[in-house]
Amino acid sequence: MTTPTDTPEFLVACLCAAWCGTCRDYRAGFEAMAEHFPNARFLWLDVEDEADLLDDYDVENFPTVLIQRAEDVLFFGTMLPHHHLLQRTVETFHAQSPEESRHYAHSDPLRKSWQNEYNLRRALADRAED
């Protein structure tokens, strides 16, 4: 996996496992989604291969998706493995201004907690420095 130190504005990560059949079925469509969003970096992260990076992340089911805009974590959770749901979610966040995204990311206690617990961009940058 490459380290995205120069990540575009949006980071969309799928946290999955190689042994998960649902994840294997979902992967090709997830990776194809990147063509629709050139200002986003799509990352496929295996929770076992990337255990050092993701060990503190509360992944309860697959696929777990994380969407981040700059430093703001906008979504973290399980998503049904239907590509149109991911596309619609990314389109919704893409349509927001950066200020709207920041407000959304801090608008309730759960999303506020994501900012420190699940800031993948920061975790990747920290790992690159090691």
N, C-alpha and C. Protein backbone atom coordinates (compact mmCIF):
# COMPACT_ATOMS: atom_id res chain seq x y z
N MET A 1 0.84 -1.18 0.00
CA MET A 1 0.00 0.00 0.00
C MET A 1 0.89 1.24 0.00
N THR A 2 0.56 2.21 -0.81
CA THR A 2 1.31 3.45 -0.81
C THR A 2 0.77 4.37 0.27
N THR A 3 1.61 5.23 0.77
CA THR A 3 1.20 6.17 1.80
C THR A 3 0.81 7.48 1.15
N PRO A 4 -0.44 7.90 1.32
CA PRO A 4 -0.92 9.11 0.65
C PRO A 4 -0.59 10.37 1.42
N THR A 5 0.65 10.80 1.38
CA THR A 5 1.01 12.03 2.07
C THR A 5 0.49 13.24 1.31
N ASP A 6 0.23 13.10 0.04
CA ASP A 6 -0.31 14.20 -0.76
C ASP A 6 -1.73 13.86 -1.21
N THR A 7 -2.52 13.34 -0.30
CA THR A 7 -3.87 12.89 -0.60
C THR A 7 -4.72 14.03 -1.12
N PRO A 8 -5.54 13.77 -2.13
CA PRO A 8 -6.50 14.77 -2.59
C PRO A 8 -7.47 15.15 -1.47
N GLU A 9 -8.33 16.09 -1.76
CA GLU A 9 -9.25 16.62 -0.75
C GLU A 9 -10.04 15.54 -0.03
N PHE A 10 -10.52 14.55 -0.76
CA PHE A 10 -11.32 13.48 -0.16
C PHE A 10 -10.50 12.20 -0.08
N LEU A 11 -10.70 11.49 1.02
CA LEU A 11 -10.11 10.17 1.23
C LEU A 11 -11.27 9.22 1.51
N VAL A 12 -11.39 8.18 0.70
CA VAL A 12 -12.45 7.19 0.86
C VAL A 12 -11.76 5.85 1.05
N ALA A 13 -11.92 5.28 2.23
CA ALA A 13 -11.24 4.02 2.54
C ALA A 13 -12.26 2.94 2.86
N CYS A 14 -11.98 1.75 2.36
CA CYS A 14 -12.78 0.58 2.70
C CYS A 14 -11.91 -0.31 3.56
N LEU A 15 -12.38 -0.59 4.77
CA LEU A 15 -11.67 -1.43 5.71
C LEU A 15 -12.30 -2.81 5.66
N CYS A 16 -11.56 -3.76 5.13
CA CYS A 16 -12.10 -5.10 4.88
C CYS A 16 -11.09 -6.16 5.26
N ALA A 17 -11.39 -7.39 4.89
CA ALA A 17 -10.49 -8.51 5.15
C ALA A 17 -10.49 -9.44 3.94
N ALA A 18 -9.32 -9.98 3.63
CA ALA A 18 -9.18 -10.85 2.46
C ALA A 18 -10.05 -12.10 2.56
N TRP A 19 -10.28 -12.59 3.77
CA TRP A 19 -11.06 -13.81 3.96
C TRP A 19 -12.56 -13.57 3.81
N CYS A 20 -12.99 -12.33 3.76
CA CYS A 20 -14.42 -11.98 3.72
C CYS A 20 -14.93 -12.03 2.28
N GLY A 21 -15.85 -12.94 2.00
CA GLY A 21 -16.41 -13.06 0.66
C GLY A 21 -17.13 -11.81 0.21
N THR A 22 -17.84 -11.16 1.11
CA THR A 22 -18.53 -9.91 0.76
C THR A 22 -17.52 -8.86 0.34
N CYS A 23 -16.41 -8.78 1.07
CA CYS A 23 -15.36 -7.82 0.72
C CYS A 23 -14.78 -8.11 -0.66
N ARG A 24 -14.50 -9.37 -0.91
CA ARG A 24 -13.93 -9.74 -2.23
C ARG A 24 -14.89 -9.35 -3.34
N ASP A 25 -16.19 -9.57 -3.14
CA ASP A 25 -17.18 -9.21 -4.15
C ASP A 25 -17.30 -7.70 -4.32
N TYR A 26 -17.08 -6.96 -3.27
CA TYR A 26 -17.26 -5.50 -3.26
C TYR A 26 -16.06 -4.76 -3.85
N ARG A 27 -14.90 -5.37 -3.80
CA ARG A 27 -13.65 -4.67 -4.11
C ARG A 27 -13.59 -4.07 -5.51
N ALA A 28 -13.92 -4.81 -6.54
CA ALA A 28 -13.79 -4.30 -7.91
C ALA A 28 -14.64 -3.05 -8.12
N GLY A 29 -15.85 -3.07 -7.64
CA GLY A 29 -16.72 -1.90 -7.78
C GLY A 29 -16.24 -0.72 -6.97
N PHE A 30 -15.69 -1.00 -5.78
CA PHE A 30 -15.13 0.07 -4.95
C PHE A 30 -13.98 0.74 -5.68
N GLU A 31 -13.08 -0.06 -6.23
CA GLU A 31 -11.93 0.50 -6.93
C GLU A 31 -12.36 1.23 -8.20
N ALA A 32 -13.39 0.75 -8.88
CA ALA A 32 -13.90 1.43 -10.08
C ALA A 32 -14.52 2.77 -9.74
N MET A 33 -15.01 2.91 -8.53
CA MET A 33 -15.64 4.16 -8.09
C MET A 33 -14.65 5.33 -8.16
N ALA A 34 -13.38 5.05 -8.02
CA ALA A 34 -12.36 6.10 -8.05
C ALA A 34 -12.40 6.88 -9.36
N GLU A 35 -12.79 6.24 -10.45
CA GLU A 35 -12.86 6.93 -11.74
C GLU A 35 -13.92 8.02 -11.74
N HIS A 36 -14.95 7.87 -10.92
CA HIS A 36 -16.04 8.85 -10.86
C HIS A 36 -15.69 10.06 -9.99
N PHE A 37 -14.66 9.93 -9.16
CA PHE A 37 -14.31 10.99 -8.22
C PHE A 37 -12.81 11.26 -8.28
N PRO A 38 -12.36 12.02 -9.29
CA PRO A 38 -10.93 12.25 -9.45
C PRO A 38 -10.30 13.06 -8.32
N ASN A 39 -11.12 13.78 -7.54
CA ASN A 39 -10.55 14.55 -6.43
C ASN A 39 -10.56 13.75 -5.13
N ALA A 40 -10.70 12.44 -5.24
CA ALA A 40 -10.70 11.57 -4.06
C ALA A 40 -9.66 10.48 -4.21
N ARG A 41 -9.08 10.10 -3.11
CA ARG A 41 -8.16 8.96 -3.07
C ARG A 41 -8.92 7.79 -2.47
N PHE A 42 -9.03 6.70 -3.20
CA PHE A 42 -9.72 5.51 -2.73
C PHE A 42 -8.67 4.51 -2.26
N LEU A 43 -8.82 4.05 -1.02
CA LEU A 43 -7.88 3.09 -0.44
C LEU A 43 -8.62 1.84 0.00
N TRP A 44 -8.07 0.72 -0.33
CA TRP A 44 -8.57 -0.57 0.13
C TRP A 44 -7.59 -1.04 1.20
N LEU A 45 -8.06 -1.15 2.44
CA LEU A 45 -7.19 -1.51 3.55
C LEU A 45 -7.67 -2.81 4.20
N ASP A 46 -6.82 -3.81 4.17
CA ASP A 46 -7.12 -5.08 4.83
C ASP A 46 -6.80 -4.90 6.32
N VAL A 47 -7.80 -5.12 7.17
CA VAL A 47 -7.62 -4.87 8.60
C VAL A 47 -6.57 -5.79 9.23
N GLU A 48 -6.30 -6.92 8.62
CA GLU A 48 -5.27 -7.81 9.15
C GLU A 48 -3.89 -7.43 8.62
N ASP A 49 -3.80 -7.12 7.34
CA ASP A 49 -2.51 -6.70 6.77
C ASP A 49 -2.07 -5.35 7.32
N GLU A 50 -3.02 -4.51 7.67
CA GLU A 50 -2.74 -3.16 8.16
C GLU A 50 -3.06 -3.04 9.66
N ALA A 51 -2.86 -4.13 10.40
CA ALA A 51 -3.22 -4.14 11.82
C ALA A 51 -2.49 -3.06 12.61
N ASP A 52 -1.24 -2.77 12.25
CA ASP A 52 -0.50 -1.73 12.97
C ASP A 52 -1.16 -0.37 12.80
N LEU A 53 -1.78 -0.13 11.69
CA LEU A 53 -2.45 1.14 11.41
C LEU A 53 -3.87 1.18 11.94
N LEU A 54 -4.57 0.06 11.85
CA LEU A 54 -6.02 0.04 12.10
C LEU A 54 -6.42 -0.65 13.40
N ASP A 55 -5.46 -1.05 14.21
CA ASP A 55 -5.78 -1.81 15.42
C ASP A 55 -6.75 -1.09 16.35
N ASP A 56 -6.66 0.22 16.44
CA ASP A 56 -7.54 0.99 17.32
C ASP A 56 -8.88 1.33 16.69
N TYR A 57 -9.06 1.00 15.43
CA TYR A 57 -10.32 1.31 14.74
C TYR A 57 -11.35 0.24 15.08
N ASP A 58 -12.54 0.67 15.41
CA ASP A 58 -13.60 -0.23 15.85
C ASP A 58 -14.36 -0.75 14.63
N VAL A 59 -13.79 -1.76 13.98
CA VAL A 59 -14.42 -2.36 12.81
C VAL A 59 -15.24 -3.56 13.28
N GLU A 60 -16.55 -3.41 13.24
CA GLU A 60 -17.45 -4.45 13.74
C GLU A 60 -17.97 -5.36 12.64
N ASN A 61 -18.01 -4.87 11.41
CA ASN A 61 -18.56 -5.64 10.31
C ASN A 61 -17.95 -5.13 9.01
N PHE A 62 -18.18 -5.86 7.95
CA PHE A 62 -17.61 -5.50 6.65
C PHE A 62 -18.71 -5.29 5.63
N PRO A 63 -18.52 -4.42 4.66
CA PRO A 63 -17.41 -3.47 4.59
C PRO A 63 -17.64 -2.27 5.51
N THR A 64 -16.57 -1.82 6.13
CA THR A 64 -16.59 -0.58 6.90
C THR A 64 -15.95 0.48 6.03
N VAL A 65 -16.63 1.61 5.91
CA VAL A 65 -16.18 2.69 5.04
C VAL A 65 -15.84 3.91 5.89
N LEU A 66 -14.77 4.59 5.51
CA LEU A 66 -14.38 5.85 6.14
C LEU A 66 -14.27 6.88 5.03
N ILE A 67 -14.93 8.02 5.21
CA ILE A 67 -14.86 9.11 4.25
C ILE A 67 -14.36 10.34 5.00
N GLN A 68 -13.30 10.92 4.47
CA GLN A 68 -12.68 12.07 5.12
C GLN A 68 -12.46 13.17 4.09
N ARG A 69 -12.76 14.39 4.49
CA ARG A 69 -12.50 15.57 3.65
C ARG A 69 -11.48 16.42 4.39
N ALA A 70 -10.30 16.55 3.83
CA ALA A 70 -9.19 17.21 4.52
C ALA A 70 -9.03 16.54 5.88
N GLU A 71 -9.15 17.27 6.97
CA GLU A 71 -9.01 16.69 8.31
C GLU A 71 -10.34 16.29 8.94
N ASP A 72 -11.42 16.45 8.23
CA ASP A 72 -12.75 16.18 8.78
C ASP A 72 -13.25 14.79 8.38
N VAL A 73 -13.46 13.93 9.38
CA VAL A 73 -14.02 12.60 9.14
C VAL A 73 -15.53 12.78 9.03
N LEU A 74 -16.08 12.47 7.86
CA LEU A 74 -17.50 12.68 7.58
C LEU A 74 -18.33 11.43 7.79
N PHE A 75 -17.72 10.27 7.60
CA PHE A 75 -18.45 9.01 7.74
C PHE A 75 -17.50 7.94 8.21
N PHE A 76 -17.95 7.15 9.18
CA PHE A 76 -17.22 5.96 9.59
C PHE A 76 -18.24 4.93 10.03
N GLY A 77 -18.31 3.83 9.31
CA GLY A 77 -19.23 2.78 9.71
C GLY A 77 -19.43 1.75 8.62
N THR A 78 -20.21 0.76 8.97
CA THR A 78 -20.55 -0.29 8.03
C THR A 78 -21.52 0.26 6.99
N MET A 79 -21.31 -0.14 5.76
CA MET A 79 -22.19 0.26 4.67
C MET A 79 -22.61 -1.00 3.93
N LEU A 80 -23.88 -1.07 3.58
CA LEU A 80 -24.31 -2.21 2.78
C LEU A 80 -23.46 -2.29 1.52
N PRO A 81 -23.10 -3.47 1.07
CA PRO A 81 -22.18 -3.60 -0.06
C PRO A 81 -22.83 -3.38 -1.42
N HIS A 82 -23.45 -2.23 -1.56
CA HIS A 82 -24.06 -1.82 -2.83
C HIS A 82 -23.36 -0.54 -3.27
N HIS A 83 -22.72 -0.58 -4.41
CA HIS A 83 -21.89 0.54 -4.84
C HIS A 83 -22.66 1.83 -5.00
N HIS A 84 -23.94 1.75 -5.36
CA HIS A 84 -24.71 2.98 -5.52
C HIS A 84 -24.86 3.72 -4.19
N LEU A 85 -24.84 3.01 -3.07
CA LEU A 85 -24.93 3.67 -1.76
C LEU A 85 -23.66 4.46 -1.48
N LEU A 86 -22.51 3.87 -1.78
CA LEU A 86 -21.26 4.59 -1.60
C LEU A 86 -21.20 5.79 -2.53
N GLN A 87 -21.59 5.58 -3.78
CA GLN A 87 -21.56 6.68 -4.75
C GLN A 87 -22.44 7.84 -4.28
N ARG A 88 -23.64 7.54 -3.83
CA ARG A 88 -24.55 8.59 -3.38
C ARG A 88 -23.99 9.30 -2.15
N THR A 89 -23.38 8.56 -1.25
CA THR A 89 -22.81 9.17 -0.05
C THR A 89 -21.66 10.10 -0.41
N VAL A 90 -20.76 9.65 -1.27
CA VAL A 90 -19.64 10.50 -1.67
C VAL A 90 -20.15 11.71 -2.44
N GLU A 91 -21.12 11.54 -3.31
CA GLU A 91 -21.70 12.67 -4.04
C GLU A 91 -22.29 13.71 -3.09
N THR A 92 -22.96 13.25 -2.06
CA THR A 92 -23.56 14.16 -1.08
C THR A 92 -22.49 14.99 -0.40
N PHE A 93 -21.42 14.35 0.05
CA PHE A 93 -20.34 15.09 0.71
C PHE A 93 -19.59 15.98 -0.28
N HIS A 94 -19.44 15.52 -1.50
CA HIS A 94 -18.76 16.31 -2.53
C HIS A 94 -19.54 17.59 -2.83
N ALA A 95 -20.86 17.53 -2.75
CA ALA A 95 -21.69 18.70 -3.04
C ALA A 95 -21.62 19.76 -1.94
N GLN A 96 -21.16 19.38 -0.77
CA GLN A 96 -21.04 20.34 0.33
C GLN A 96 -19.83 21.24 0.12
N SER A 97 -19.92 22.44 0.66
CA SER A 97 -18.73 23.28 0.72
C SER A 97 -17.84 22.75 1.84
N PRO A 98 -16.56 23.10 1.84
CA PRO A 98 -15.70 22.67 2.95
C PRO A 98 -16.25 23.10 4.32
N GLU A 99 -16.84 24.28 4.37
CA GLU A 99 -17.41 24.77 5.63
C GLU A 99 -18.61 23.92 6.06
N GLU A 100 -19.44 23.53 5.11
CA GLU A 100 -20.57 22.66 5.43
C GLU A 100 -20.09 21.29 5.92
N SER A 101 -19.06 20.77 5.28
CA SER A 101 -18.51 19.49 5.72
C SER A 101 -17.95 19.59 7.14
N ARG A 102 -17.24 20.67 7.42
CA ARG A 102 -16.67 20.86 8.77
C ARG A 102 -17.79 20.94 9.80
N HIS A 103 -18.83 21.69 9.50
CA HIS A 103 -19.96 21.80 10.42
C HIS A 103 -20.59 20.42 10.63
N TYR A 104 -20.82 19.69 9.56
CA TYR A 104 -21.41 18.35 9.64
C TYR A 104 -20.55 17.43 10.50
N ALA A 105 -19.24 17.46 10.29
CA ALA A 105 -18.33 16.57 11.01
C ALA A 105 -18.32 16.81 12.51
N HIS A 106 -18.72 18.00 12.92
CA HIS A 106 -18.69 18.36 14.34
C HIS A 106 -20.08 18.61 14.91
N SER A 107 -21.11 18.15 14.21
CA SER A 107 -22.48 18.52 14.58
C SER A 107 -23.15 17.62 15.61
N ASP A 108 -22.56 16.50 15.95
CA ASP A 108 -23.12 15.68 17.02
C ASP A 108 -21.99 14.93 17.73
N PRO A 109 -22.25 14.41 18.92
CA PRO A 109 -21.18 13.78 19.70
C PRO A 109 -20.49 12.61 18.99
N LEU A 110 -21.24 11.78 18.28
CA LEU A 110 -20.62 10.65 17.59
C LEU A 110 -19.64 11.12 16.53
N ARG A 111 -20.09 12.03 15.67
CA ARG A 111 -19.19 12.53 14.61
C ARG A 111 -18.01 13.29 15.22
N LYS A 112 -18.23 14.01 16.30
CA LYS A 112 -17.11 14.69 16.97
C LYS A 112 -16.06 13.68 17.42
N SER A 113 -16.52 12.54 17.94
CA SER A 113 -15.57 11.53 18.42
C SER A 113 -14.75 10.94 17.27
N TRP A 114 -15.33 10.86 16.08
CA TRP A 114 -14.60 10.33 14.93
C TRP A 114 -13.36 11.16 14.60
N GLN A 115 -13.39 12.45 14.90
CA GLN A 115 -12.32 13.34 14.47
C GLN A 115 -10.97 12.94 15.06
N ASN A 116 -10.97 12.45 16.28
CA ASN A 116 -9.73 11.99 16.89
C ASN A 116 -9.53 10.49 16.74
N GLU A 117 -10.62 9.74 16.84
CA GLU A 117 -10.50 8.28 16.82
C GLU A 117 -10.20 7.71 15.44
N TYR A 118 -10.73 8.33 14.39
CA TYR A 118 -10.66 7.73 13.06
C TYR A 118 -10.08 8.65 11.99
N ASN A 119 -9.17 9.53 12.36
CA ASN A 119 -8.55 10.42 11.38
C ASN A 119 -7.47 9.62 10.64
N LEU A 120 -7.88 8.97 9.57
CA LEU A 120 -6.99 8.09 8.82
C LEU A 120 -5.88 8.87 8.14
N ARG A 121 -6.18 10.04 7.66
CA ARG A 121 -5.15 10.87 7.01
C ARG A 121 -4.00 11.13 7.99
N ARG A 122 -4.34 11.47 9.22
CA ARG A 122 -3.32 11.73 10.24
C ARG A 122 -2.55 10.45 10.57
N ALA A 123 -3.27 9.34 10.69
CA ALA A 123 -2.61 8.06 11.01
C ALA A 123 -1.62 7.66 9.91
N LEU A 124 -2.01 7.87 8.66
CA LEU A 124 -1.11 7.54 7.54
C LEU A 124 0.11 8.45 7.54
N ALA A 125 -0.09 9.73 7.83
CA ALA A 125 1.03 10.67 7.87
C ALA A 125 1.97 10.32 9.02
N ASP A 126 1.41 9.96 10.18
CA ASP A 126 2.24 9.58 11.32
C ASP A 126 3.07 8.34 11.00
N ARG A 127 2.45 7.38 10.32
CA ARG A 127 3.18 6.16 9.96
C ARG A 127 4.30 6.47 8.97
N ALA A 128 4.06 7.40 8.06
CA ALA A 128 5.07 7.76 7.07
C ALA A 128 6.29 8.40 7.74
N GLU A 129 6.06 9.08 8.86
CA GLU A 129 7.16 9.72 9.58
C GLU A 129 8.02 8.73 10.35
N ASP A 130 7.44 7.58 10.68
CA ASP A 130 8.19 6.56 11.47
C ASP A 130 9.29 5.91 10.68
